Amino acid sequence: MALQSTTPSSGEGFSEKNLGVPERDAERGSSTATSITGDAALGDQLAKEVPPRNVTGVLWILVVISILSSTFLFALDNTVVADIQASVIEDFGEIEKLSWLGIAFVLAGCSTILPWGKAYGIFNAKWLYILSVLIFEVGSAVCGAAPNMNALIVGRAVAGLGGSGMYIGSLNLLSITTTVHERPAYIGATGLTWGLGTVLGPVVGGAFSESSATWRWAFYINLLIGAVFAPVYVVLLPSADPQPNTPYVARTKQLDWLGVVLNIGSFVSLIMAINFGGTLYAWDSAQEIALFVVGGILIIAFAVTQAYSVLTTPEQRLFPGEFLREPFLVLLFAMMAAASTAIFVPTYYIPLYFQFVKGDTALEAAVRLLPFIIIMVFFCIVNGGAMSKTGYYAPWYLFGGAMVLIGGALMYTVEETTTTAKIYGYTILIGIGSGSYIQASFSVAQAKVKPEQLPLAVGYISLAQTGGIVIALAICGSVFLNESVKGITPLLEGVPAAAIKGTVAGSGSELFMNLEGETRQKVLHAIIMAMDKNYILLIVAGAMTVIGSLFMKWEKLFLEAGHAG
């Protein structure tokens, strides 16, 4: 039985010649995936399968580290502004624009995931990746040197644009330069760096803002890391061109430009509406209604253009609509969104809990996340290695979902008197669960699609990952704010609503700090009870994952003879 190559032949997609790999048997082309059951000879062949890359040994390790560094930087920048905001306001003022520091990065990153995913299937992955790194570094330089708040916001948007391309590029490069057998381990490594970057963002930002280097080095550090790995990007990254004989002008015409515009417009409108609702604007305000209406119209227009291939073709349309006709791929999309929810809700609200209850500084509170993140990263690595070795993926979703469900249910019971040890234990359960399947959907989705659809699969699952984060945090922010205000208002009669919202925004607020005795305890209890309600999302995410896992086949997917088409 012939083995299928992990890259399509020249003219169909990524060329093996461009990757420096000897051409393989012509028989390795379009066979349908079949599970291996006790075929020792085939197992020996798979073990000897030549990876589709010409870089080996120490140089390959260096390439992988350089690729993973960009995943780390993207995740780091996602949360690095959390603990520099006070310093930025001290320098620039304009507190009314503060929320844009986080939103600008998310807007640019989320809205361009699909365009980046499509572009990696058209242009040379190496040079497109390098371009995204350059864009990210330019944005970081603008942020570090920003003379005012407006420049800092623009820099964040530019960095978000490049960061999205870097992240999609990392997953694509690791996908097209590895075999289907070894891919889960490498994709799992991206989960490690992504998790580390996410939790270290507030720590790095807080450390720089409290040092003589100032908050600006929270962005300049990106330039140093990028400069260190620049020679690796240029010299050692394999050149992976999906259309080596197609002129670049012809390639640009393959992009669904109408879809790109509508996609970005709908994302920007809806993300602004979700993030500003209940905070900057009331949910029933004219601004919120306008954002939701515009976003809704644009997303409907986008859906119509994709369904009927308006000004494009079915093959070139931006969104892989054919994936929606595959129930399994839709299930993977939902599982990824659930895993993102399980990671980011604790990442944002565990530090806030310790700031209120223990009086921690932002930096001290961020360090409290380490047990959760270390365990999450460890299980992400274990998951990638185990899936590569055994081929099974369904058990990880079942086990991971169950742990998230249990951990989320326990966090729902937390009060201000709950011991720190118990909270660490509960978050460790969530870390075990989320780490068990946070990156699994990338590998599974790529193993289930045709080789030329790998970039589309990466973009599709990345959309679920980032979309899940945005929606989950928006829901949590709204629930936490509204429930807190509802609980606190009767306790502080005569205090303006704006002042109460300020109390909820942070334990360091002047109003909260001045509260004493029984009143302070009652206000704190109301805040913690409101915070607990956010963990209902984890209970739902865990339950959804457990149920979804029951619809998965218990197959040895990563020890197969090919891809399911």
Protein backbone atom coordinates (compact mmCIF):
# COMPACT_ATOMS: atom_id res chain seq x y z
CA MET A 1 0.00 0.00 0.00
CA ALA A 2 1.50 3.34 -1.03
CA LEU A 3 1.72 6.22 1.41
CA GLN A 4 0.23 9.55 0.53
CA SER A 5 2.49 12.57 0.64
CA THR A 6 1.58 15.36 3.04
CA THR A 7 2.01 17.88 0.23
CA PRO A 8 0.27 17.77 -3.14
CA SER A 9 2.23 17.38 -6.31
CA SER A 10 3.42 20.37 -8.32
CA GLY A 11 0.58 22.18 -10.00
CA GLU A 12 -1.93 21.14 -7.35
CA GLY A 13 -0.49 22.89 -4.34
CA PHE A 14 2.73 23.06 -2.35
CA SER A 15 5.52 21.65 -4.47
CA GLU A 16 7.85 19.06 -2.96
CA LYS A 17 10.61 20.31 -5.21
CA ASN A 18 10.32 23.73 -3.65
CA LEU A 19 10.63 22.15 -0.22
CA GLY A 20 13.79 20.31 -1.22
CA VAL A 21 12.26 16.84 -1.00
CA PRO A 22 12.92 14.08 -3.57
CA GLU A 23 9.84 13.30 -5.61
CA ARG A 24 7.87 10.36 -4.26
CA ASP A 25 5.94 7.60 -5.95
CA ALA A 26 3.21 8.75 -8.29
CA GLU A 27 0.87 6.42 -6.47
CA ARG A 28 0.89 8.75 -3.46
CA GLY A 29 -1.78 11.08 -4.70
CA SER A 30 -5.41 10.97 -3.89
CA SER A 31 -6.15 7.87 -1.84
CA THR A 32 -8.89 8.18 0.73
CA ALA A 33 -7.89 7.92 4.38
CA THR A 34 -8.24 4.48 5.94
CA SER A 35 -7.52 3.66 9.55
CA ILE A 36 -4.73 1.26 10.39
CA THR A 37 -5.68 -1.79 12.39
CA GLY A 38 -2.77 -4.04 13.14
CA ASP A 39 -0.89 -3.50 9.86
CA ALA A 40 2.69 -3.71 11.11
CA ALA A 41 4.24 -3.35 7.65
CA LEU A 42 2.39 -0.11 7.03
CA GLY A 43 3.37 1.10 10.48
CA ASP A 44 7.03 0.54 9.57
CA GLN A 45 6.56 2.50 6.34
CA LEU A 46 4.95 5.40 8.20
CA ALA A 47 7.78 5.45 10.70
CA LYS A 48 10.23 5.80 7.80
CA GLU A 49 8.19 8.44 5.97
CA VAL A 50 10.43 11.28 4.81
CA PRO A 51 9.29 14.65 6.21
CA PRO A 52 8.60 17.23 3.46
CA ARG A 53 11.55 19.52 4.29
CA ASN A 54 15.20 19.83 3.38
CA VAL A 55 16.38 21.22 6.74
CA THR A 56 17.31 18.64 9.35
CA GLY A 57 19.05 18.22 12.68
CA VAL A 58 20.05 21.28 14.69
CA LEU A 59 19.09 23.61 11.86
CA TRP A 60 15.55 22.23 11.83
CA ILE A 61 15.30 22.76 15.60
CA LEU A 62 16.42 26.36 15.04
CA VAL A 63 13.77 26.80 12.34
CA VAL A 64 11.04 25.45 14.64
CA ILE A 65 12.13 27.71 17.51
CA SER A 66 12.11 30.74 15.21
CA ILE A 67 8.61 29.91 13.95
CA LEU A 68 7.31 29.34 17.47
CA SER A 69 8.79 32.65 18.61
CA SER A 70 6.33 34.52 16.43
CA THR A 71 3.41 32.59 17.98
CA PHE A 72 4.76 33.60 21.38
CA LEU A 73 5.00 37.27 20.40
CA PHE A 74 1.47 37.30 18.96
CA ALA A 75 0.05 35.86 22.18
CA LEU A 76 2.22 38.15 24.31
CA ASP A 77 0.96 41.26 22.54
CA ASN A 78 -2.61 40.09 22.98
CA THR A 79 -2.37 40.66 26.75
CA VAL A 80 0.72 42.83 27.25
CA VAL A 81 -1.29 46.05 27.56
CA ALA A 82 -3.20 44.75 30.61
CA ASP A 83 -0.63 46.07 33.10
CA ILE A 84 0.77 49.11 31.27
CA GLN A 85 -2.45 51.08 31.00
CA ALA A 86 -1.89 53.17 34.12
CA SER A 87 1.58 54.19 32.90
CA VAL A 88 0.25 55.03 29.43
CA ILE A 89 -2.49 57.24 30.89
CA GLU A 90 0.10 58.93 33.10
CA ASP A 91 2.12 59.83 29.98
CA PHE A 92 -0.65 60.61 27.49
CA GLY A 93 -3.88 61.17 29.40
CA GLU A 94 -6.98 60.64 27.18
CA ILE A 95 -8.40 57.92 29.40
CA GLU A 96 -11.52 57.82 27.23
CA LYS A 97 -9.42 56.12 24.52
CA LEU A 98 -7.89 53.53 26.85
CA SER A 99 -10.11 50.64 25.75
CA TRP A 100 -8.77 50.99 22.20
CA LEU A 101 -5.35 49.69 23.28
CA GLY A 102 -6.77 46.20 23.51
CA ILE A 103 -9.55 46.46 20.97
CA ALA A 104 -7.39 47.81 18.11
CA PHE A 105 -5.14 44.74 18.23
CA VAL A 106 -8.08 42.32 18.37
CA LEU A 107 -9.98 44.13 15.61
CA ALA A 108 -7.09 44.02 13.15
CA GLY A 109 -6.15 40.47 14.06
CA CYS A 110 -9.59 38.88 14.05
CA SER A 111 -10.88 40.59 10.91
CA THR A 112 -7.91 39.49 8.78
CA ILE A 113 -7.66 35.81 9.76
CA LEU A 114 -9.63 34.58 6.74
CA PRO A 115 -7.73 36.80 4.24
CA TRP A 116 -4.39 35.63 5.64
CA GLY A 117 -5.52 32.00 5.53
CA LYS A 118 -6.53 32.36 1.90
CA ALA A 119 -3.33 34.18 0.97
CA TYR A 120 -1.17 31.36 2.34
CA GLY A 121 -2.82 29.06 -0.18
CA ILE A 122 -1.90 31.40 -3.06
CA PHE A 123 1.49 32.96 -2.30
CA ASN A 124 4.85 31.58 -1.19
CA ALA A 125 4.35 30.79 2.50
CA LYS A 126 7.92 31.71 3.45
CA TRP A 127 7.87 35.23 2.05
CA LEU A 128 4.29 35.93 3.08
CA TYR A 129 5.26 34.92 6.61
CA ILE A 130 8.28 37.21 6.54
CA LEU A 131 6.05 40.05 5.31
CA SER A 132 3.67 39.51 8.24
CA VAL A 133 6.61 39.56 10.67
CA LEU A 134 7.76 42.88 9.18
CA ILE A 135 4.26 44.36 9.54
CA PHE A 136 4.13 43.21 13.16
CA GLU A 137 7.55 44.70 13.91
CA VAL A 138 6.61 48.02 12.28
CA GLY A 139 3.51 48.14 14.47
CA SER A 140 5.61 47.34 17.55
CA ALA A 141 8.08 50.11 16.66
CA VAL A 142 5.24 52.61 16.27
CA CYS A 143 3.85 51.58 19.67
CA GLY A 144 7.21 51.89 21.38
CA ALA A 145 7.95 55.31 19.90
CA ALA A 146 4.37 56.63 20.06
CA PRO A 147 4.25 60.36 20.93
CA ASN A 148 0.53 60.27 21.80
CA MET A 149 -2.42 57.96 22.34
CA ASN A 150 -3.59 58.07 18.72
CA ALA A 151 -0.20 56.87 17.44
CA LEU A 152 -0.18 54.08 20.04
CA ILE A 153 -3.63 52.90 18.92
CA VAL A 154 -2.56 52.93 15.25
CA GLY A 155 0.55 50.95 16.16
CA ARG A 156 -1.57 48.38 17.99
CA ALA A 157 -3.79 47.95 14.92
CA VAL A 158 -0.78 47.49 12.62
CA ALA A 159 0.74 44.98 15.04
CA GLY A 160 -2.56 43.09 15.17
CA LEU A 161 -2.64 42.88 11.38
CA GLY A 162 0.89 41.49 11.23
CA GLY A 163 0.42 39.29 14.29
CA SER A 164 -2.57 37.55 12.74
CA GLY A 165 -0.48 36.80 9.64
CA MET A 166 2.39 35.52 11.78
CA TYR A 167 0.15 33.15 13.72
CA ILE A 168 -1.55 31.76 10.61
CA GLY A 169 1.87 31.53 8.96
CA SER A 170 3.36 29.61 11.88
CA LEU A 171 0.64 26.99 11.70
CA ASN A 172 0.89 26.76 7.91
CA LEU A 173 4.67 26.45 7.83
CA LEU A 174 4.65 23.74 10.48
CA SER A 175 1.85 21.95 8.63
CA ILE A 176 3.45 21.88 5.18
CA THR A 177 6.90 20.92 6.48
CA THR A 178 5.79 17.97 8.64
CA THR A 179 4.18 14.62 7.96
CA VAL A 180 0.61 13.94 9.04
CA HIS A 181 2.06 11.55 11.63
CA GLU A 182 4.34 14.07 13.35
CA ARG A 183 2.19 17.17 12.82
CA PRO A 184 0.16 16.97 16.09
CA ALA A 185 3.36 17.25 18.13
CA TYR A 186 4.44 20.41 16.30
CA ILE A 187 0.97 21.95 16.41
CA GLY A 188 0.95 21.14 20.13
CA ALA A 189 4.17 23.11 20.50
CA THR A 190 2.37 26.18 19.16
CA GLY A 191 -0.09 25.73 22.01
CA LEU A 192 2.82 25.79 24.45
CA THR A 193 4.20 29.09 23.14
CA TRP A 194 0.72 30.56 22.73
CA GLY A 195 -0.16 29.72 26.33
CA LEU A 196 3.13 31.07 27.68
CA GLY A 197 2.77 34.28 25.70
CA THR A 198 -0.79 34.80 26.86
CA VAL A 199 -0.02 34.53 30.57
CA LEU A 200 3.35 36.29 30.41
CA GLY A 201 1.86 39.30 28.61
CA PRO A 202 0.61 41.01 31.79
CA VAL A 203 3.75 39.98 33.66
CA VAL A 204 6.09 41.39 31.01
CA GLY A 205 4.04 44.56 30.61
CA GLY A 206 3.82 45.11 34.36
CA ALA A 207 7.54 44.47 34.86
CA PHE A 208 8.56 46.98 32.20
CA SER A 209 6.07 49.63 33.35
CA GLU A 210 7.45 49.42 36.90
CA SER A 211 11.09 49.55 35.75
CA SER A 212 13.33 52.34 34.47
CA ALA A 213 12.93 50.88 30.95
CA THR A 214 9.28 52.14 30.98
CA TRP A 215 6.24 50.60 29.29
CA ARG A 216 7.71 51.33 25.84
CA TRP A 217 9.99 48.31 26.12
CA ALA A 218 6.95 46.08 26.33
CA PHE A 219 6.82 46.74 22.56
CA TYR A 220 10.52 47.25 21.79
CA ILE A 221 11.23 43.73 23.06
CA ASN A 222 9.45 42.45 19.94
CA LEU A 223 12.04 44.17 17.76
CA LEU A 224 14.92 42.49 19.58
CA ILE A 225 13.42 39.01 19.32
CA GLY A 226 12.53 39.58 15.66
CA ALA A 227 16.08 40.74 14.89
CA VAL A 228 17.58 37.64 16.53
CA PHE A 229 15.57 35.27 14.32
CA ALA A 230 15.59 37.34 11.12
CA PRO A 231 18.58 35.44 9.61
CA VAL A 232 16.78 32.14 10.24
CA TYR A 233 13.65 33.40 8.49
CA VAL A 234 15.53 34.50 5.41
CA VAL A 235 18.12 31.70 5.10
CA LEU A 236 16.65 28.54 6.62
CA LEU A 237 12.86 28.70 6.25
CA PRO A 238 11.80 26.28 3.49
CA SER A 239 10.36 27.95 0.41
CA ALA A 240 6.82 26.62 0.09
CA ASP A 241 5.13 27.96 -3.03
CA PRO A 242 1.67 26.53 -3.84
CA GLN A 243 1.72 27.98 -7.39
CA PRO A 244 5.36 28.19 -8.48
CA ASN A 245 4.58 28.88 -12.13
CA THR A 246 1.87 31.52 -11.64
CA PRO A 247 2.78 35.24 -11.99
CA TYR A 248 2.14 37.36 -8.91
CA VAL A 249 -0.30 39.64 -10.73
CA ALA A 250 -2.40 36.61 -11.62
CA ARG A 251 -2.25 35.43 -8.01
CA THR A 252 -3.60 38.72 -6.66
CA LYS A 253 -6.62 38.31 -8.93
CA GLN A 254 -7.36 35.00 -7.19
CA LEU A 255 -8.13 36.81 -3.93
CA ASP A 256 -11.80 37.43 -3.21
CA TRP A 257 -11.46 41.19 -2.72
CA LEU A 258 -15.18 41.84 -2.21
CA GLY A 259 -15.23 39.10 0.40
CA VAL A 260 -12.18 40.61 2.11
CA VAL A 261 -13.85 44.04 2.40
CA LEU A 262 -17.17 42.65 3.66
CA ASN A 263 -15.42 40.28 6.07
CA ILE A 264 -13.31 43.03 7.63
CA GLY A 265 -16.25 45.44 7.79
CA SER A 266 -18.55 42.94 9.50
CA PHE A 267 -15.90 41.87 12.01
CA VAL A 268 -14.96 45.44 12.90
CA SER A 269 -18.60 46.49 13.42
CA LEU A 270 -19.60 43.47 15.49
CA ILE A 271 -16.44 43.33 17.62
CA MET A 272 -16.81 47.03 18.43
CA ALA A 273 -20.47 46.48 19.32
CA ILE A 274 -19.66 43.52 21.58
CA ASN A 275 -16.73 45.19 23.32
CA PHE A 276 -18.34 48.61 23.81
CA GLY A 277 -21.74 47.29 24.93
CA GLY A 278 -22.43 47.94 28.60
CA THR A 279 -19.09 49.71 29.08
CA LEU A 280 -18.57 52.63 26.70
CA TYR A 281 -22.17 52.67 25.45
CA ALA A 282 -25.41 51.38 26.92
CA TRP A 283 -26.70 48.26 25.15
CA ASP A 284 -29.81 50.11 23.98
CA SER A 285 -27.95 53.26 22.86
CA ALA A 286 -28.07 54.57 19.29
CA GLN A 287 -24.36 53.77 18.86
CA GLU A 288 -24.78 50.14 19.86
CA ILE A 289 -27.85 49.67 17.70
CA ALA A 290 -26.06 51.22 14.71
CA LEU A 291 -23.01 48.98 15.15
CA PHE A 292 -25.10 45.82 15.38
CA VAL A 293 -27.26 46.81 12.40
CA VAL A 294 -24.26 47.65 10.20
CA GLY A 295 -22.44 44.51 11.31
CA GLY A 296 -25.51 42.38 10.66
CA ILE A 297 -26.05 43.81 7.17
CA LEU A 298 -22.39 43.32 6.25
CA ILE A 299 -22.25 39.75 7.52
CA ILE A 300 -25.42 38.88 5.58
CA ALA A 301 -23.89 40.47 2.47
CA PHE A 302 -20.71 38.49 3.07
CA ALA A 303 -22.69 35.25 3.40
CA VAL A 304 -24.55 35.95 0.14
CA THR A 305 -21.36 36.71 -1.79
CA GLN A 306 -19.77 33.51 -0.48
CA ALA A 307 -22.82 31.33 -1.14
CA TYR A 308 -23.27 32.56 -4.71
CA SER A 309 -19.59 33.32 -5.47
CA VAL A 310 -20.27 36.98 -6.34
CA LEU A 311 -17.28 38.48 -8.23
CA THR A 312 -15.30 35.34 -7.46
CA THR A 313 -15.40 31.59 -7.99
CA PRO A 314 -16.24 28.72 -5.60
CA GLU A 315 -12.53 27.83 -5.48
CA GLN A 316 -11.38 31.41 -4.81
CA ARG A 317 -14.04 32.63 -2.38
CA LEU A 318 -12.70 33.79 0.97
CA PHE A 319 -14.66 31.54 3.30
CA PRO A 320 -14.39 27.76 2.78
CA GLY A 321 -18.14 27.21 2.58
CA GLU A 322 -17.64 23.57 1.74
CA PHE A 323 -16.46 23.04 5.32
CA LEU A 324 -19.94 23.93 6.58
CA ARG A 325 -21.31 20.97 4.67
CA GLU A 326 -19.09 18.67 6.70
CA PRO A 327 -20.68 18.15 10.17
CA PHE A 328 -17.37 16.95 11.58
CA LEU A 329 -15.56 20.17 10.60
CA VAL A 330 -18.38 22.23 12.10
CA LEU A 331 -17.99 20.19 15.28
CA LEU A 332 -14.24 20.90 15.36
CA PHE A 333 -15.01 24.62 14.97
CA ALA A 334 -17.27 24.49 18.03
CA MET A 335 -14.71 22.47 20.03
CA MET A 336 -12.00 25.05 19.35
CA ALA A 337 -14.26 27.92 20.42
CA ALA A 338 -15.05 26.00 23.62
CA ALA A 339 -11.36 25.41 24.36
CA SER A 340 -10.56 29.11 23.85
CA THR A 341 -13.33 30.04 26.27
CA ALA A 342 -11.94 27.61 28.86
CA ILE A 343 -8.52 29.26 28.69
CA PHE A 344 -9.28 32.95 28.44
CA VAL A 345 -12.04 33.33 31.04
CA PRO A 346 -9.73 32.14 33.87
CA THR A 347 -6.82 34.09 32.38
CA TYR A 348 -8.75 37.34 32.76
CA TYR A 349 -10.78 36.71 35.92
CA ILE A 350 -8.45 34.74 38.22
CA PRO A 351 -6.04 37.71 38.54
CA LEU A 352 -9.00 40.04 39.09
CA TYR A 353 -10.28 37.78 41.88
CA PHE A 354 -6.95 37.96 43.73
CA GLN A 355 -6.75 41.72 43.25
CA PHE A 356 -10.10 42.15 44.99
CA VAL A 357 -9.81 39.46 47.66
CA LYS A 358 -6.08 39.49 48.47
CA GLY A 359 -5.23 43.05 47.46
CA ASP A 360 -2.60 41.84 44.97
CA THR A 361 -0.95 44.22 42.56
CA ALA A 362 -1.60 43.53 38.88
CA LEU A 363 1.81 41.87 38.58
CA GLU A 364 1.31 39.69 41.68
CA ALA A 365 -2.14 38.68 40.46
CA ALA A 366 -0.77 37.68 37.05
CA VAL A 367 1.75 35.37 38.74
CA ARG A 368 -1.19 33.56 40.36
CA LEU A 369 -2.00 32.16 36.92
CA LEU A 370 1.19 30.13 36.73
CA PRO A 371 -0.26 26.84 38.12
CA PHE A 372 -3.09 27.03 35.58
CA ILE A 373 -0.86 27.94 32.63
CA ILE A 374 1.97 25.51 33.44
CA ILE A 375 -0.46 22.59 33.61
CA MET A 376 -2.31 23.74 30.51
CA VAL A 377 0.93 23.98 28.53
CA PHE A 378 2.13 20.59 29.83
CA PHE A 379 -1.04 18.83 28.72
CA CYS A 380 -0.93 20.62 25.39
CA ILE A 381 2.49 19.07 24.80
CA VAL A 382 1.34 15.66 26.04
CA ASN A 383 -1.70 15.81 23.76
CA GLY A 384 0.39 16.60 20.68
CA GLY A 385 2.91 13.84 21.40
CA ALA A 386 0.27 11.25 22.28
CA MET A 387 -1.82 11.92 19.18
CA SER A 388 1.28 11.58 17.02
CA LYS A 389 2.17 8.27 18.66
CA THR A 390 -1.23 6.60 19.07
CA GLY A 391 -3.28 8.33 16.38
CA TYR A 392 -6.35 8.69 18.61
CA TYR A 393 -7.93 12.11 19.09
CA ALA A 394 -11.54 11.56 20.32
CA PRO A 395 -10.52 10.51 23.89
CA TRP A 396 -8.75 13.84 24.37
CA TYR A 397 -11.92 15.80 23.69
CA LEU A 398 -13.92 13.60 26.06
CA PHE A 399 -11.33 13.79 28.84
CA GLY A 400 -10.60 17.49 28.29
CA GLY A 401 -14.25 18.47 28.19
CA ALA A 402 -14.95 16.57 31.41
CA MET A 403 -12.10 18.32 33.23
CA VAL A 404 -13.25 21.75 32.03
CA LEU A 405 -16.80 20.92 33.12
CA ILE A 406 -15.69 19.86 36.60
CA GLY A 407 -13.23 22.75 37.02
CA GLY A 408 -15.77 25.32 35.79
CA ALA A 409 -18.45 23.96 38.13
CA LEU A 410 -16.05 24.19 41.10
CA MET A 411 -15.04 27.76 40.19
CA TYR A 412 -18.74 28.65 40.12
CA THR A 413 -18.84 27.84 43.86
CA VAL A 414 -15.91 30.10 44.81
CA GLU A 415 -16.46 32.77 47.46
CA GLU A 416 -14.19 35.41 48.96
CA THR A 417 -13.42 32.98 51.82
CA THR A 418 -12.33 30.13 49.52
CA THR A 419 -8.71 29.15 50.20
CA THR A 420 -6.03 29.93 47.65
CA ALA A 421 -5.07 26.24 47.51
CA LYS A 422 -8.59 25.29 46.42
CA ILE A 423 -8.63 27.92 43.69
CA TYR A 424 -5.26 26.69 42.41
CA GLY A 425 -6.67 23.16 42.40
CA TYR A 426 -9.80 24.17 40.50
CA THR A 427 -7.83 26.10 37.90
CA ILE A 428 -5.43 23.17 37.49
CA LEU A 429 -8.41 21.00 36.53
CA ILE A 430 -9.39 23.60 33.92
CA GLY A 431 -5.79 23.72 32.71
CA ILE A 432 -5.66 19.94 32.34
CA GLY A 433 -8.91 19.97 30.38
CA SER A 434 -8.28 22.92 28.07
CA GLY A 435 -4.67 21.88 27.42
CA SER A 436 -5.87 18.43 26.35
CA TYR A 437 -7.57 19.76 23.24
CA ILE A 438 -6.79 23.45 22.70
CA GLN A 439 -4.58 22.78 19.65
CA ALA A 440 -5.97 19.38 18.66
CA SER A 441 -8.55 20.78 16.23
CA PHE A 442 -5.81 22.21 14.02
CA SER A 443 -4.21 18.81 13.49
CA VAL A 444 -7.49 16.93 13.17
CA ALA A 445 -8.96 19.40 10.68
CA GLN A 446 -5.85 19.31 8.50
CA ALA A 447 -5.86 15.52 8.51
CA LYS A 448 -9.49 15.55 7.36
CA VAL A 449 -9.15 17.86 4.36
CA LYS A 450 -7.37 17.63 1.03
CA PRO A 451 -3.69 18.66 1.04
CA GLU A 452 -4.35 21.81 -0.99
CA GLN A 453 -6.91 22.87 1.64
CA LEU A 454 -4.41 22.96 4.52
CA PRO A 455 -4.15 26.79 4.59
CA LEU A 456 -7.95 27.10 4.50
CA ALA A 457 -8.27 24.64 7.38
CA VAL A 458 -5.75 26.64 9.43
CA GLY A 459 -7.67 29.87 8.83
CA TYR A 460 -10.99 28.19 9.56
CA ILE A 461 -9.92 26.80 12.94
CA SER A 462 -8.02 30.01 13.81
CA LEU A 463 -11.25 31.91 13.25
CA ALA A 464 -12.93 29.65 15.82
CA GLN A 465 -10.05 30.18 18.25
CA THR A 466 -9.99 33.98 18.12
CA GLY A 467 -13.73 34.34 17.63
CA GLY A 468 -14.36 32.20 20.68
CA ILE A 469 -12.06 34.42 22.74
CA VAL A 470 -13.69 37.67 21.62
CA ILE A 471 -17.25 36.46 22.16
CA ALA A 472 -16.54 34.76 25.49
CA LEU A 473 -14.75 37.77 26.96
CA ALA A 474 -17.43 40.14 25.69
CA ILE A 475 -20.16 38.05 27.32
CA CYS A 476 -18.18 37.78 30.55
CA GLY A 477 -17.45 41.50 30.64
CA SER A 478 -21.11 42.35 30.23
CA VAL A 479 -22.31 39.76 32.78
CA PHE A 480 -19.68 40.75 35.35
CA LEU A 481 -20.39 44.47 35.03
CA ASN A 482 -24.18 44.22 35.05
CA GLU A 483 -24.41 41.66 37.86
CA SER A 484 -21.90 43.55 39.99
CA VAL A 485 -23.72 46.85 39.60
CA LYS A 486 -27.04 45.13 40.37
CA GLY A 487 -25.59 43.66 43.56
CA ILE A 488 -23.69 46.75 44.72
CA THR A 489 -26.25 49.49 44.02
CA PRO A 490 -28.56 48.60 46.97
CA LEU A 491 -25.50 48.59 49.26
CA LEU A 492 -24.30 52.06 48.26
CA GLU A 493 -27.40 54.19 48.15
CA GLY A 494 -26.86 57.62 46.66
CA VAL A 495 -23.60 56.68 44.94
CA PRO A 496 -23.67 57.51 41.19
CA ALA A 497 -23.80 54.56 38.78
CA ALA A 498 -20.56 55.74 37.12
CA ALA A 499 -18.72 55.49 40.44
CA ILE A 500 -20.08 51.99 41.04
CA LYS A 501 -18.90 50.91 37.57
CA GLY A 502 -15.48 52.31 38.46
CA THR A 503 -15.45 50.12 41.55
CA VAL A 504 -16.13 47.05 39.44
CA ALA A 505 -13.43 48.01 36.95
CA GLY A 506 -10.67 47.43 39.48
CA SER A 507 -9.98 46.75 43.14
CA GLY A 508 -7.72 49.78 43.24
CA SER A 509 -10.58 52.21 42.65
CA GLU A 510 -10.82 54.99 45.21
CA LEU A 511 -14.41 54.14 46.14
CA PHE A 512 -13.61 50.49 46.88
CA MET A 513 -10.46 51.37 48.82
CA ASN A 514 -12.41 53.75 51.06
CA LEU A 515 -15.07 51.18 51.97
CA GLU A 516 -14.80 49.77 55.48
CA GLY A 517 -16.22 47.06 57.69
CA GLU A 518 -19.40 45.25 56.84
CA THR A 519 -20.16 47.41 53.81
CA ARG A 520 -16.83 46.52 52.24
CA GLN A 521 -17.43 42.82 52.84
CA LYS A 522 -20.89 42.96 51.31
CA VAL A 523 -19.64 44.83 48.24
CA LEU A 524 -16.79 42.34 47.85
CA HIS A 525 -19.24 39.45 48.15
CA ALA A 526 -21.46 40.96 45.44
CA ILE A 527 -18.48 41.34 43.11
CA ILE A 528 -17.27 37.77 43.64
CA MET A 529 -20.78 36.38 43.14
CA ALA A 530 -20.99 38.29 39.84
CA MET A 531 -17.58 36.97 38.83
CA ASP A 532 -18.68 33.39 39.55
CA LYS A 533 -21.43 33.64 36.95
CA ASN A 534 -18.78 33.88 34.22
CA TYR A 535 -17.83 30.28 34.91
CA ILE A 536 -21.22 29.17 33.63
CA LEU A 537 -19.59 29.63 30.22
CA LEU A 538 -16.94 27.06 31.18
CA ILE A 539 -19.61 24.65 32.34
CA VAL A 540 -21.35 25.05 28.99
CA ALA A 541 -18.05 24.76 27.08
CA GLY A 542 -17.08 21.59 28.94
CA ALA A 543 -20.49 19.99 28.54
CA MET A 544 -20.57 20.86 24.84
CA THR A 545 -17.14 19.27 24.36
CA VAL A 546 -18.12 16.08 26.19
CA ILE A 547 -21.28 15.73 24.12
CA GLY A 548 -19.43 16.57 20.90
CA SER A 549 -16.76 13.95 21.62
CA LEU A 550 -19.46 11.27 21.60
CA PHE A 551 -20.05 12.01 17.91
CA MET A 552 -16.38 11.52 17.03
CA LYS A 553 -14.95 8.30 15.66
CA TRP A 554 -12.44 6.45 17.81
CA GLU A 555 -10.04 6.14 14.91
CA LYS A 556 -6.26 6.25 14.57
CA LEU A 557 -6.34 9.33 12.39
CA PHE A 558 -2.67 10.27 12.55
CA LEU A 559 -1.44 6.82 11.58
CA GLU A 560 -3.44 6.76 8.38
CA ALA A 561 -2.43 6.19 4.83
CA GLY A 562 -3.66 9.55 3.66
CA HIS A 563 -6.20 12.30 4.03
CA ALA A 564 -9.94 12.12 4.08
CA GLY A 565 -11.27 14.14 1.26
